[in-house]
Amino acid sequence: MPRYFGYLRVSSDDQTTENQRLGLLDYANSRRLVPIELVEDTASRAKSWRDRGLGALLEQASAGDVILSPEISRLGGSALQVLEFMAEAVKKGVTVHITKQGIVLDGSLQAEIMATVLGLVAQIERAFIKARTKEALQVAKLNGKKLGRPAGHAETLKLDPRADEIAGYLALGLSQAKIAARVGCSKATLSRFIERRGLKGKG
């Protein structure tokens, strides 16, 4: 017997899930995807889906279960995040419905096309980020800014291998929250790293 879950996410406590909830419930009822268990999440989309309520939801879901979300953007803050979530859902045999667009990602041809499109978007996104980061690093070096781990710090930190990448993101003006999501760590971990290594950027 499949279970049905509705995932509702807002970026802060100032927002409400009421409109999302009504539309999602109407969709579920019209397709008899009931009874449905609603999961509400207030975490920022910059945070990895694995570290939000969505990650816990997929973890408890089993093959044949269904997860409904109002919009595909509610699943992640980037195409890459959405693609990663969909890949894990497909691996577990969990069907995902995007209710506003009526999209059903269930291993069918439509789902494969959607996954391919998302994959292409993610590749383009990564290519643009890589190009902008490289340009920012070049500008920073021309301006005499020393990148990477400063000398005199013998202790190895988890993010040291990505120091130049983080420096590039900072040079681009990305917030720490967005950088943390891209390098796969918490904002607190990134903040400590930036402070320990003497890097500067937006909070």
N, C-alpha and C. Protein backbone atom coordinates (compact mmCIF):
# COMPACT_ATOMS: atom_id res chain seq x y z
N MET A 1 0.84 -1.19 0.00
CA MET A 1 0.00 0.00 0.00
C MET A 1 0.89 1.25 0.00
N PRO A 2 0.85 2.07 -1.06
CA PRO A 2 1.71 3.25 -1.11
C PRO A 2 1.31 4.31 -0.09
N ARG A 3 2.30 5.07 0.34
CA ARG A 3 2.04 6.20 1.22
C ARG A 3 2.22 7.48 0.41
N TYR A 4 1.48 8.52 0.80
CA TYR A 4 1.51 9.78 0.08
C TYR A 4 1.98 10.89 1.02
N PHE A 5 2.98 11.65 0.55
CA PHE A 5 3.54 12.74 1.35
C PHE A 5 3.46 14.04 0.56
N GLY A 6 3.11 15.11 1.25
CA GLY A 6 3.11 16.44 0.63
C GLY A 6 4.21 17.27 1.26
N TYR A 7 5.11 17.82 0.43
CA TYR A 7 6.22 18.61 0.95
C TYR A 7 5.98 20.09 0.66
N LEU A 8 5.90 20.89 1.73
CA LEU A 8 5.67 22.32 1.61
C LEU A 8 6.86 23.05 2.23
N ARG A 9 7.46 23.96 1.46
CA ARG A 9 8.62 24.68 1.99
C ARG A 9 8.48 26.18 1.78
N VAL A 10 8.78 26.94 2.84
CA VAL A 10 8.89 28.39 2.74
C VAL A 10 10.26 28.77 3.28
N SER A 11 10.74 29.93 2.86
CA SER A 11 12.11 30.30 3.21
C SER A 11 12.24 30.94 4.58
N SER A 12 11.14 31.35 5.18
CA SER A 12 11.22 31.95 6.51
C SER A 12 9.88 31.81 7.21
N ASP A 13 9.89 32.07 8.53
CA ASP A 13 8.66 31.97 9.30
C ASP A 13 7.67 33.06 8.94
N ASP A 14 8.13 34.09 8.20
CA ASP A 14 7.24 35.18 7.81
C ASP A 14 6.33 34.77 6.66
N GLN A 15 6.68 33.73 5.98
CA GLN A 15 5.86 33.27 4.88
C GLN A 15 4.89 32.19 5.37
N THR A 16 3.92 31.89 4.54
CA THR A 16 2.93 30.90 4.94
C THR A 16 2.83 29.81 3.90
N THR A 17 2.50 28.62 4.35
CA THR A 17 2.34 27.50 3.41
C THR A 17 0.86 27.31 3.05
N GLU A 18 -0.01 28.21 3.49
CA GLU A 18 -1.45 28.00 3.30
C GLU A 18 -1.83 27.84 1.83
N ASN A 19 -1.36 28.76 0.97
CA ASN A 19 -1.69 28.66 -0.45
C ASN A 19 -1.12 27.38 -1.06
N GLN A 20 0.12 27.05 -0.69
CA GLN A 20 0.72 25.81 -1.18
C GLN A 20 -0.12 24.61 -0.77
N ARG A 21 -0.54 24.63 0.50
CA ARG A 21 -1.28 23.50 1.06
C ARG A 21 -2.61 23.28 0.34
N LEU A 22 -3.35 24.35 0.11
CA LEU A 22 -4.66 24.22 -0.52
C LEU A 22 -4.55 23.66 -1.94
N GLY A 23 -3.59 24.19 -2.70
CA GLY A 23 -3.41 23.72 -4.07
C GLY A 23 -2.95 22.27 -4.11
N LEU A 24 -2.05 21.91 -3.21
CA LEU A 24 -1.54 20.54 -3.17
C LEU A 24 -2.63 19.55 -2.77
N LEU A 25 -3.43 19.92 -1.77
CA LEU A 25 -4.51 19.03 -1.32
C LEU A 25 -5.57 18.85 -2.40
N ASP A 26 -5.86 19.91 -3.14
CA ASP A 26 -6.83 19.82 -4.23
C ASP A 26 -6.32 18.85 -5.30
N TYR A 27 -5.04 18.95 -5.62
CA TYR A 27 -4.43 18.05 -6.61
C TYR A 27 -4.49 16.62 -6.11
N ALA A 28 -4.11 16.40 -4.86
CA ALA A 28 -4.07 15.05 -4.29
C ALA A 28 -5.47 14.43 -4.27
N ASN A 29 -6.46 15.20 -3.86
CA ASN A 29 -7.83 14.69 -3.79
C ASN A 29 -8.38 14.35 -5.16
N SER A 30 -8.07 15.19 -6.16
CA SER A 30 -8.59 14.95 -7.51
C SER A 30 -8.00 13.69 -8.13
N ARG A 31 -6.84 13.28 -7.65
CA ARG A 31 -6.17 12.08 -8.18
C ARG A 31 -6.19 10.92 -7.19
N ARG A 32 -6.93 11.12 -6.12
CA ARG A 32 -7.09 10.10 -5.07
C ARG A 32 -5.76 9.64 -4.49
N LEU A 33 -4.86 10.58 -4.31
CA LEU A 33 -3.58 10.30 -3.67
C LEU A 33 -3.74 10.59 -2.18
N VAL A 34 -4.60 9.81 -1.55
CA VAL A 34 -4.96 10.03 -0.15
C VAL A 34 -4.99 8.68 0.59
N PRO A 35 -4.85 8.73 1.93
CA PRO A 35 -4.58 9.92 2.77
C PRO A 35 -3.16 10.42 2.57
N ILE A 36 -2.98 11.73 2.79
CA ILE A 36 -1.67 12.32 2.55
C ILE A 36 -1.13 12.93 3.84
N GLU A 37 0.15 12.74 4.06
CA GLU A 37 0.83 13.30 5.23
C GLU A 37 1.63 14.52 4.79
N LEU A 38 1.33 15.68 5.39
CA LEU A 38 1.99 16.92 5.00
C LEU A 38 3.23 17.18 5.85
N VAL A 39 4.30 17.58 5.19
CA VAL A 39 5.54 17.94 5.87
C VAL A 39 5.85 19.40 5.53
N GLU A 40 5.91 20.27 6.54
CA GLU A 40 6.19 21.69 6.32
C GLU A 40 7.61 22.00 6.76
N ASP A 41 8.31 22.77 5.93
CA ASP A 41 9.72 23.06 6.16
C ASP A 41 9.95 24.56 6.01
N THR A 42 10.69 25.16 6.92
CA THR A 42 10.99 26.59 6.83
C THR A 42 12.47 26.85 6.53
N ALA A 43 13.21 25.81 6.22
CA ALA A 43 14.64 25.98 5.95
C ALA A 43 14.86 26.72 4.63
N SER A 44 15.94 27.46 4.54
CA SER A 44 16.29 28.17 3.32
C SER A 44 16.59 27.17 2.21
N ARG A 45 16.26 27.54 0.99
CA ARG A 45 16.54 26.64 -0.13
C ARG A 45 18.03 26.57 -0.43
N ALA A 46 18.80 27.53 0.14
CA ALA A 46 20.26 27.48 -0.03
C ALA A 46 20.84 26.27 0.69
N LYS A 47 20.12 25.78 1.68
CA LYS A 47 20.55 24.61 2.44
C LYS A 47 20.31 23.36 1.60
N SER A 48 21.23 22.43 1.62
CA SER A 48 21.09 21.20 0.84
C SER A 48 19.79 20.49 1.20
N TRP A 49 19.15 19.90 0.21
CA TRP A 49 17.89 19.20 0.45
C TRP A 49 18.09 18.04 1.44
N ARG A 50 19.29 17.49 1.47
CA ARG A 50 19.58 16.39 2.40
C ARG A 50 19.50 16.84 3.86
N ASP A 51 19.79 18.13 4.09
CA ASP A 51 19.80 18.65 5.45
C ASP A 51 18.50 19.34 5.83
N ARG A 52 17.50 19.25 4.94
CA ARG A 52 16.20 19.83 5.23
C ARG A 52 15.19 18.70 5.50
N GLY A 53 13.97 19.09 5.76
CA GLY A 53 12.93 18.10 6.00
C GLY A 53 12.73 17.17 4.82
N LEU A 54 13.07 17.65 3.62
CA LEU A 54 12.93 16.84 2.42
C LEU A 54 13.83 15.62 2.46
N GLY A 55 15.04 15.81 3.00
CA GLY A 55 15.96 14.68 3.10
C GLY A 55 15.43 13.60 4.02
N ALA A 56 14.90 14.01 5.18
CA ALA A 56 14.33 13.05 6.13
C ALA A 56 13.11 12.37 5.53
N LEU A 57 12.34 13.13 4.75
CA LEU A 57 11.14 12.57 4.12
C LEU A 57 11.49 11.48 3.12
N LEU A 58 12.47 11.75 2.26
CA LEU A 58 12.86 10.74 1.27
C LEU A 58 13.47 9.53 1.95
N GLU A 59 14.16 9.76 3.04
CA GLU A 59 14.79 8.64 3.76
C GLU A 59 13.76 7.66 4.29
N GLN A 60 12.62 8.17 4.74
CA GLN A 60 11.59 7.27 5.30
C GLN A 60 10.67 6.70 4.23
N ALA A 61 10.70 7.29 3.03
CA ALA A 61 9.85 6.80 1.95
C ALA A 61 10.37 5.48 1.40
N SER A 62 9.46 4.66 0.90
CA SER A 62 9.82 3.35 0.33
C SER A 62 9.36 3.28 -1.11
N ALA A 63 9.81 2.25 -1.82
CA ALA A 63 9.42 2.04 -3.21
C ALA A 63 7.90 2.01 -3.32
N GLY A 64 7.36 2.76 -4.27
CA GLY A 64 5.92 2.82 -4.47
C GLY A 64 5.28 4.02 -3.81
N ASP A 65 5.99 4.66 -2.87
CA ASP A 65 5.45 5.84 -2.20
C ASP A 65 5.49 7.04 -3.16
N VAL A 66 4.73 8.09 -2.79
CA VAL A 66 4.60 9.27 -3.64
C VAL A 66 4.88 10.53 -2.82
N ILE A 67 5.70 11.43 -3.37
CA ILE A 67 5.96 12.73 -2.74
C ILE A 67 5.41 13.81 -3.66
N LEU A 68 4.58 14.68 -3.12
CA LEU A 68 4.00 15.78 -3.88
C LEU A 68 4.59 17.10 -3.41
N SER A 69 4.91 17.98 -4.36
CA SER A 69 5.42 19.31 -4.03
C SER A 69 4.77 20.31 -4.98
N PRO A 70 4.41 21.51 -4.49
CA PRO A 70 3.73 22.48 -5.35
C PRO A 70 4.54 22.91 -6.57
N GLU A 71 5.83 23.16 -6.36
CA GLU A 71 6.68 23.64 -7.44
C GLU A 71 8.03 22.93 -7.38
N ILE A 72 8.66 22.77 -8.52
CA ILE A 72 9.94 22.07 -8.56
C ILE A 72 11.01 22.87 -7.82
N SER A 73 10.85 24.20 -7.75
CA SER A 73 11.83 25.04 -7.05
C SER A 73 11.80 24.80 -5.54
N ARG A 74 10.70 24.21 -5.03
CA ARG A 74 10.62 23.93 -3.60
C ARG A 74 11.56 22.78 -3.19
N LEU A 75 11.99 22.00 -4.17
CA LEU A 75 12.83 20.84 -3.88
C LEU A 75 14.29 21.22 -3.67
N GLY A 76 14.73 22.34 -4.25
CA GLY A 76 16.12 22.72 -4.11
C GLY A 76 16.38 24.12 -4.61
N GLY A 77 17.51 24.68 -4.22
CA GLY A 77 17.85 26.04 -4.60
C GLY A 77 18.54 26.14 -5.95
N SER A 78 18.81 25.02 -6.58
CA SER A 78 19.46 25.03 -7.90
C SER A 78 19.02 23.79 -8.67
N ALA A 79 19.26 23.84 -9.97
CA ALA A 79 18.91 22.68 -10.80
C ALA A 79 19.68 21.45 -10.36
N LEU A 80 20.91 21.66 -9.93
CA LEU A 80 21.74 20.54 -9.49
C LEU A 80 21.14 19.87 -8.25
N GLN A 81 20.68 20.68 -7.30
CA GLN A 81 20.05 20.12 -6.11
C GLN A 81 18.80 19.32 -6.47
N VAL A 82 17.98 19.89 -7.35
CA VAL A 82 16.75 19.20 -7.76
C VAL A 82 17.09 17.89 -8.44
N LEU A 83 18.09 17.91 -9.32
CA LEU A 83 18.50 16.71 -10.04
C LEU A 83 18.99 15.63 -9.08
N GLU A 84 19.76 16.04 -8.09
CA GLU A 84 20.27 15.08 -7.10
C GLU A 84 19.11 14.43 -6.34
N PHE A 85 18.14 15.26 -5.96
CA PHE A 85 16.98 14.72 -5.24
C PHE A 85 16.22 13.74 -6.12
N MET A 86 15.98 14.13 -7.38
CA MET A 86 15.22 13.25 -8.28
C MET A 86 15.95 11.93 -8.51
N ALA A 87 17.28 11.99 -8.62
CA ALA A 87 18.06 10.77 -8.83
C ALA A 87 17.89 9.82 -7.65
N GLU A 88 17.91 10.37 -6.43
CA GLU A 88 17.73 9.55 -5.24
C GLU A 88 16.32 8.99 -5.17
N ALA A 89 15.34 9.80 -5.57
CA ALA A 89 13.95 9.34 -5.55
C ALA A 89 13.74 8.18 -6.53
N VAL A 90 14.30 8.32 -7.74
CA VAL A 90 14.19 7.27 -8.74
C VAL A 90 14.87 6.00 -8.25
N LYS A 91 16.02 6.16 -7.62
CA LYS A 91 16.77 5.02 -7.10
C LYS A 91 15.94 4.24 -6.08
N LYS A 92 15.16 4.96 -5.28
CA LYS A 92 14.34 4.32 -4.26
C LYS A 92 12.98 3.87 -4.78
N GLY A 93 12.66 4.24 -6.03
CA GLY A 93 11.36 3.86 -6.58
C GLY A 93 10.24 4.74 -6.08
N VAL A 94 10.57 5.97 -5.69
CA VAL A 94 9.58 6.92 -5.19
C VAL A 94 9.16 7.86 -6.33
N THR A 95 7.86 8.00 -6.53
CA THR A 95 7.33 8.89 -7.56
C THR A 95 7.17 10.30 -7.00
N VAL A 96 7.51 11.30 -7.82
CA VAL A 96 7.39 12.70 -7.40
C VAL A 96 6.41 13.43 -8.31
N HIS A 97 5.43 14.12 -7.70
CA HIS A 97 4.47 14.93 -8.44
C HIS A 97 4.75 16.40 -8.18
N ILE A 98 4.84 17.21 -9.24
CA ILE A 98 4.93 18.67 -9.12
C ILE A 98 3.53 19.18 -9.46
N THR A 99 2.79 19.57 -8.43
CA THR A 99 1.35 19.74 -8.59
C THR A 99 0.93 20.92 -9.47
N LYS A 100 1.63 22.07 -9.40
CA LYS A 100 1.21 23.23 -10.18
C LYS A 100 1.33 23.00 -11.67
N GLN A 101 2.38 22.28 -12.07
CA GLN A 101 2.60 22.00 -13.50
C GLN A 101 2.03 20.64 -13.92
N GLY A 102 1.58 19.86 -12.97
CA GLY A 102 1.05 18.55 -13.29
C GLY A 102 2.12 17.60 -13.80
N ILE A 103 3.36 17.77 -13.36
CA ILE A 103 4.47 16.93 -13.80
C ILE A 103 4.57 15.70 -12.89
N VAL A 104 4.70 14.53 -13.49
CA VAL A 104 4.86 13.30 -12.73
C VAL A 104 6.19 12.67 -13.12
N LEU A 105 7.09 12.58 -12.15
CA LEU A 105 8.41 12.00 -12.39
C LEU A 105 8.42 10.59 -11.79
N ASP A 106 8.22 9.61 -12.65
CA ASP A 106 7.99 8.24 -12.17
C ASP A 106 8.76 7.18 -12.94
N GLY A 107 9.82 7.58 -13.64
CA GLY A 107 10.59 6.60 -14.42
C GLY A 107 10.08 6.46 -15.84
N SER A 108 9.02 7.22 -16.19
CA SER A 108 8.47 7.16 -17.54
C SER A 108 9.33 7.99 -18.49
N LEU A 109 8.95 8.04 -19.77
CA LEU A 109 9.69 8.82 -20.76
C LEU A 109 9.68 10.30 -20.37
N GLN A 110 8.52 10.79 -19.91
CA GLN A 110 8.43 12.19 -19.50
C GLN A 110 9.42 12.49 -18.38
N ALA A 111 9.52 11.55 -17.45
CA ALA A 111 10.44 11.74 -16.32
C ALA A 111 11.88 11.75 -16.81
N GLU A 112 12.19 10.87 -17.76
CA GLU A 112 13.55 10.81 -18.30
C GLU A 112 13.91 12.11 -19.02
N ILE A 113 12.92 12.65 -19.79
CA ILE A 113 13.15 13.91 -20.50
C ILE A 113 13.38 15.03 -19.50
N MET A 114 12.54 15.08 -18.45
CA MET A 114 12.68 16.12 -17.44
C MET A 114 14.03 16.03 -16.74
N ALA A 115 14.45 14.80 -16.40
CA ALA A 115 15.73 14.61 -15.75
C ALA A 115 16.88 15.04 -16.65
N THR A 116 16.75 14.75 -17.96
CA THR A 116 17.78 15.16 -18.91
C THR A 116 17.88 16.67 -19.00
N VAL A 117 16.72 17.33 -19.07
CA VAL A 117 16.70 18.79 -19.12
C VAL A 117 17.34 19.38 -17.87
N LEU A 118 16.96 18.85 -16.71
CA LEU A 118 17.54 19.33 -15.46
C LEU A 118 19.05 19.11 -15.43
N GLY A 119 19.47 17.96 -15.97
CA GLY A 119 20.89 17.66 -16.02
C GLY A 119 21.65 18.65 -16.89
N LEU A 120 21.06 19.00 -18.04
CA LEU A 120 21.68 19.97 -18.93
C LEU A 120 21.76 21.35 -18.26
N VAL A 121 20.68 21.72 -17.59
CA VAL A 121 20.66 23.00 -16.88
C VAL A 121 21.75 23.02 -15.81
N ALA A 122 21.88 21.90 -15.11
CA ALA A 122 22.90 21.82 -14.05
C ALA A 122 24.30 21.95 -14.64
N GLN A 123 24.54 21.31 -15.79
CA GLN A 123 25.85 21.40 -16.44
C GLN A 123 26.15 22.83 -16.86
N ILE A 124 25.13 23.49 -17.43
CA ILE A 124 25.30 24.89 -17.85
C ILE A 124 25.58 25.77 -16.64
N GLU A 125 24.84 25.52 -15.56
CA GLU A 125 25.02 26.29 -14.34
C GLU A 125 26.44 26.12 -13.81
N ARG A 126 26.93 24.89 -13.78
CA ARG A 126 28.29 24.64 -13.29
C ARG A 126 29.34 25.31 -14.19
N ALA A 127 29.08 25.27 -15.52
CA ALA A 127 30.02 25.87 -16.46
C ALA A 127 30.11 27.38 -16.26
N PHE A 128 28.95 28.02 -16.06
CA PHE A 128 28.94 29.47 -15.84
C PHE A 128 29.65 29.82 -14.54
N ILE A 129 29.39 29.04 -13.50
CA ILE A 129 30.03 29.31 -12.20
C ILE A 129 31.53 29.15 -12.31
N LYS A 130 31.95 28.08 -13.01
CA LYS A 130 33.38 27.84 -13.17
C LYS A 130 34.05 28.99 -13.91
N ALA A 131 33.38 29.45 -14.99
CA ALA A 131 33.94 30.54 -15.78
C ALA A 131 34.01 31.83 -14.97
N ARG A 132 32.93 32.15 -14.24
CA ARG A 132 32.93 33.38 -13.45
C ARG A 132 33.94 33.31 -12.31
N THR A 133 34.08 32.12 -11.70
CA THR A 133 35.05 31.96 -10.62
C THR A 133 36.47 32.15 -11.14
N LYS A 134 36.76 31.57 -12.31
CA LYS A 134 38.10 31.70 -12.90
C LYS A 134 38.42 33.16 -13.19
N GLU A 135 37.43 33.89 -13.75
CA GLU A 135 37.63 35.31 -14.05
C GLU A 135 37.87 36.10 -12.76
N ALA A 136 37.08 35.80 -11.72
CA ALA A 136 37.21 36.51 -10.46
C ALA A 136 38.57 36.25 -9.82
N LEU A 137 39.06 35.01 -9.93
CA LEU A 137 40.37 34.67 -9.38
C LEU A 137 41.48 35.43 -10.11
N GLN A 138 41.35 35.53 -11.43
CA GLN A 138 42.36 36.24 -12.21
C GLN A 138 42.41 37.72 -11.82
N VAL A 139 41.22 38.31 -11.66
CA VAL A 139 41.15 39.71 -11.27
C VAL A 139 41.75 39.90 -9.88
N ALA A 140 41.41 38.99 -8.97
CA ALA A 140 41.93 39.08 -7.60
C ALA A 140 43.45 38.98 -7.58
N LYS A 141 44.01 38.08 -8.38
CA LYS A 141 45.46 37.91 -8.42
C LYS A 141 46.14 39.14 -9.01
N LEU A 142 45.50 39.73 -10.06
CA LEU A 142 46.05 40.94 -10.67
C LEU A 142 46.06 42.10 -9.68
N ASN A 143 45.10 42.08 -8.76
CA ASN A 143 45.01 43.13 -7.74
C ASN A 143 45.90 42.83 -6.54
N GLY A 144 46.69 41.77 -6.64
CA GLY A 144 47.62 41.45 -5.58
C GLY A 144 47.04 40.69 -4.41
N LYS A 145 45.83 40.14 -4.56
CA LYS A 145 45.22 39.40 -3.46
C LYS A 145 45.76 37.98 -3.43
N LYS A 146 46.21 37.54 -2.25
CA LYS A 146 46.73 36.18 -2.09
C LYS A 146 45.55 35.24 -1.85
N LEU A 147 45.44 34.21 -2.68
CA LEU A 147 44.34 33.26 -2.58
C LEU A 147 44.78 31.97 -1.91
N GLY A 148 43.79 31.18 -1.52
CA GLY A 148 44.09 29.89 -0.92
C GLY A 148 44.43 30.02 0.55
N ARG A 149 45.05 28.98 1.10
CA ARG A 149 45.37 28.94 2.53
C ARG A 149 46.58 29.80 2.85
N PRO A 150 46.43 30.74 3.77
CA PRO A 150 47.57 31.58 4.15
C PRO A 150 48.67 30.77 4.81
N ALA A 151 49.92 31.23 4.67
CA ALA A 151 51.04 30.55 5.32
C ALA A 151 50.95 30.71 6.82
N GLY A 152 51.53 29.76 7.54
CA GLY A 152 51.55 29.86 9.00
C GLY A 152 50.44 29.11 9.68
N HIS A 153 49.54 28.50 8.89
CA HIS A 153 48.46 27.70 9.47
C HIS A 153 48.74 26.24 9.17
N ALA A 154 49.36 25.57 10.08
CA ALA A 154 49.77 24.18 9.84
C ALA A 154 48.59 23.23 9.93
N GLU A 155 47.60 23.59 10.75
CA GLU A 155 46.46 22.69 10.93
C GLU A 155 45.64 22.59 9.64
N THR A 156 45.34 21.37 9.25
CA THR A 156 44.55 21.16 8.03
C THR A 156 43.06 21.22 8.36
N LEU A 157 42.34 21.99 7.58
CA LEU A 157 40.89 22.10 7.75
C LEU A 157 40.18 21.38 6.61
N LYS A 158 38.97 20.98 6.89
CA LYS A 158 38.17 20.20 5.93
C LYS A 158 38.05 20.90 4.58
N LEU A 159 37.91 22.23 4.60
CA LEU A 159 37.66 22.97 3.36
C LEU A 159 38.93 23.46 2.68
N ASP A 160 40.11 23.14 3.22
CA ASP A 160 41.36 23.60 2.62
C ASP A 160 41.50 23.25 1.14
N PRO A 161 41.11 22.01 0.72
CA PRO A 161 41.25 21.68 -0.70
C PRO A 161 40.40 22.56 -1.61
N ARG A 162 39.39 23.24 -1.04
CA ARG A 162 38.50 24.08 -1.85
C ARG A 162 38.69 25.56 -1.54
N ALA A 163 39.84 25.87 -0.95
CA ALA A 163 40.09 27.26 -0.54
C ALA A 163 40.04 28.23 -1.72
N ASP A 164 40.70 27.87 -2.83
CA ASP A 164 40.69 28.75 -3.99
C ASP A 164 39.28 28.91 -4.56
N GLU A 165 38.52 27.82 -4.56
CA GLU A 165 37.15 27.87 -5.06
C GLU A 165 36.31 28.82 -4.19
N ILE A 166 36.47 28.69 -2.87
CA ILE A 166 35.72 29.55 -1.95
C ILE A 166 36.14 31.00 -2.12
N ALA A 167 37.45 31.23 -2.28
CA ALA A 167 37.94 32.58 -2.50
C ALA A 167 37.33 33.17 -3.77
N GLY A 168 37.20 32.33 -4.79
CA GLY A 168 36.59 32.79 -6.03
C GLY A 168 35.13 33.17 -5.85
N TYR A 169 34.39 32.35 -5.11
CA TYR A 169 32.99 32.67 -4.83
C TYR A 169 32.87 33.98 -4.06
N LEU A 170 33.77 34.17 -3.09
CA LEU A 170 33.76 35.41 -2.31
C LEU A 170 34.06 36.60 -3.21
N ALA A 171 34.99 36.42 -4.14
CA ALA A 171 35.33 37.49 -5.07
C ALA A 171 34.16 37.83 -5.97
N LEU A 172 33.31 36.82 -6.24
CA LEU A 172 32.11 37.05 -7.04
C LEU A 172 31.02 37.75 -6.25
N GLY A 173 31.18 37.79 -4.92
CA GLY A 173 30.17 38.44 -4.08
C GLY A 173 29.06 37.53 -3.62
N LEU A 174 29.24 36.20 -3.74
CA LEU A 174 28.21 35.27 -3.27
C LEU A 174 28.16 35.30 -1.75
N SER A 175 26.97 35.15 -1.20
CA SER A 175 26.81 35.13 0.25
C SER A 175 27.36 33.83 0.80
N GLN A 176 27.66 33.83 2.10
CA GLN A 176 28.18 32.62 2.72
C GLN A 176 27.17 31.49 2.66
N ALA A 177 25.90 31.81 2.75
CA ALA A 177 24.86 30.77 2.68
C ALA A 177 24.89 30.06 1.33
N LYS A 178 25.04 30.83 0.25
CA LYS A 178 25.07 30.24 -1.09
C LYS A 178 26.36 29.45 -1.30
N ILE A 179 27.48 29.97 -0.79
CA ILE A 179 28.75 29.27 -0.95
C ILE A 179 28.71 27.94 -0.20
N ALA A 180 28.15 27.97 1.04
CA ALA A 180 28.05 26.76 1.84
C ALA A 180 27.26 25.69 1.10
N ALA A 181 26.16 26.09 0.44
CA ALA A 181 25.35 25.14 -0.30
C ALA A 181 26.13 24.54 -1.46
N ARG A 182 26.97 25.35 -2.09
CA ARG A 182 27.73 24.87 -3.26
C ARG A 182 28.87 23.93 -2.87
N VAL A 183 29.48 24.16 -1.72
CA VAL A 183 30.61 23.31 -1.32
C VAL A 183 30.17 22.19 -0.39
N GLY A 184 28.88 22.15 -0.05
CA GLY A 184 28.34 21.03 0.72
C GLY A 184 28.68 21.03 2.19
N CYS A 185 28.58 22.20 2.83
CA CYS A 185 28.81 22.26 4.27
C CYS A 185 27.82 23.24 4.88
N SER A 186 27.79 23.32 6.20
CA SER A 186 26.91 24.27 6.87
C SER A 186 27.49 25.67 6.78
N LYS A 187 26.64 26.67 6.94
CA LYS A 187 27.12 28.05 6.91
C LYS A 187 28.09 28.30 8.07
N ALA A 188 27.81 27.68 9.23
CA ALA A 188 28.67 27.86 10.39
C ALA A 188 30.08 27.34 10.11
N THR A 189 30.16 26.16 9.47
CA THR A 189 31.47 25.58 9.12
C THR A 189 32.22 26.50 8.16
N LEU A 190 31.49 27.00 7.16
CA LEU A 190 32.12 27.90 6.19
C LEU A 190 32.59 29.19 6.86
N SER A 191 31.77 29.74 7.74
CA SER A 191 32.13 30.99 8.43
C SER A 191 33.41 30.82 9.24
N ARG A 192 33.50 29.68 9.94
CA ARG A 192 34.71 29.41 10.73
C ARG A 192 35.93 29.29 9.82
N PHE A 193 35.75 28.62 8.70
CA PHE A 193 36.86 28.44 7.75
C PHE A 193 37.33 29.78 7.21
N ILE A 194 36.37 30.63 6.82
CA ILE A 194 36.70 31.94 6.28
C ILE A 194 37.45 32.77 7.31
N GLU A 195 36.99 32.69 8.55
CA GLU A 195 37.65 33.44 9.63
C GLU A 195 39.05 32.90 9.90
N ARG A 196 39.17 31.56 9.96
CA ARG A 196 40.48 30.95 10.27
C ARG A 196 41.49 31.22 9.17
N ARG A 197 41.02 31.25 7.93
CA ARG A 197 41.94 31.43 6.81
C ARG A 197 42.05 32.88 6.37
N GLY A 198 41.38 33.78 7.07
CA GLY A 198 41.53 35.20 6.77
C GLY A 198 40.90 35.64 5.48
N LEU A 199 39.89 34.89 5.00
CA LEU A 199 39.19 35.28 3.77
C LEU A 199 38.10 36.28 4.13
N LYS A 200 37.66 37.04 3.16
CA LYS A 200 36.61 38.02 3.43
C LYS A 200 35.53 37.91 2.38
N GLY A 201 34.29 38.15 2.78
CA GLY A 201 33.17 38.11 1.85
C GLY A 201 31.92 38.55 2.54
N LYS A 202 30.79 38.40 1.84
CA LYS A 202 29.50 38.79 2.38
C LYS A 202 29.07 37.81 3.44
N GLY A 203 28.29 38.27 4.43
CA GLY A 203 27.77 37.39 5.47
C GLY A 203 26.59 36.62 5.04
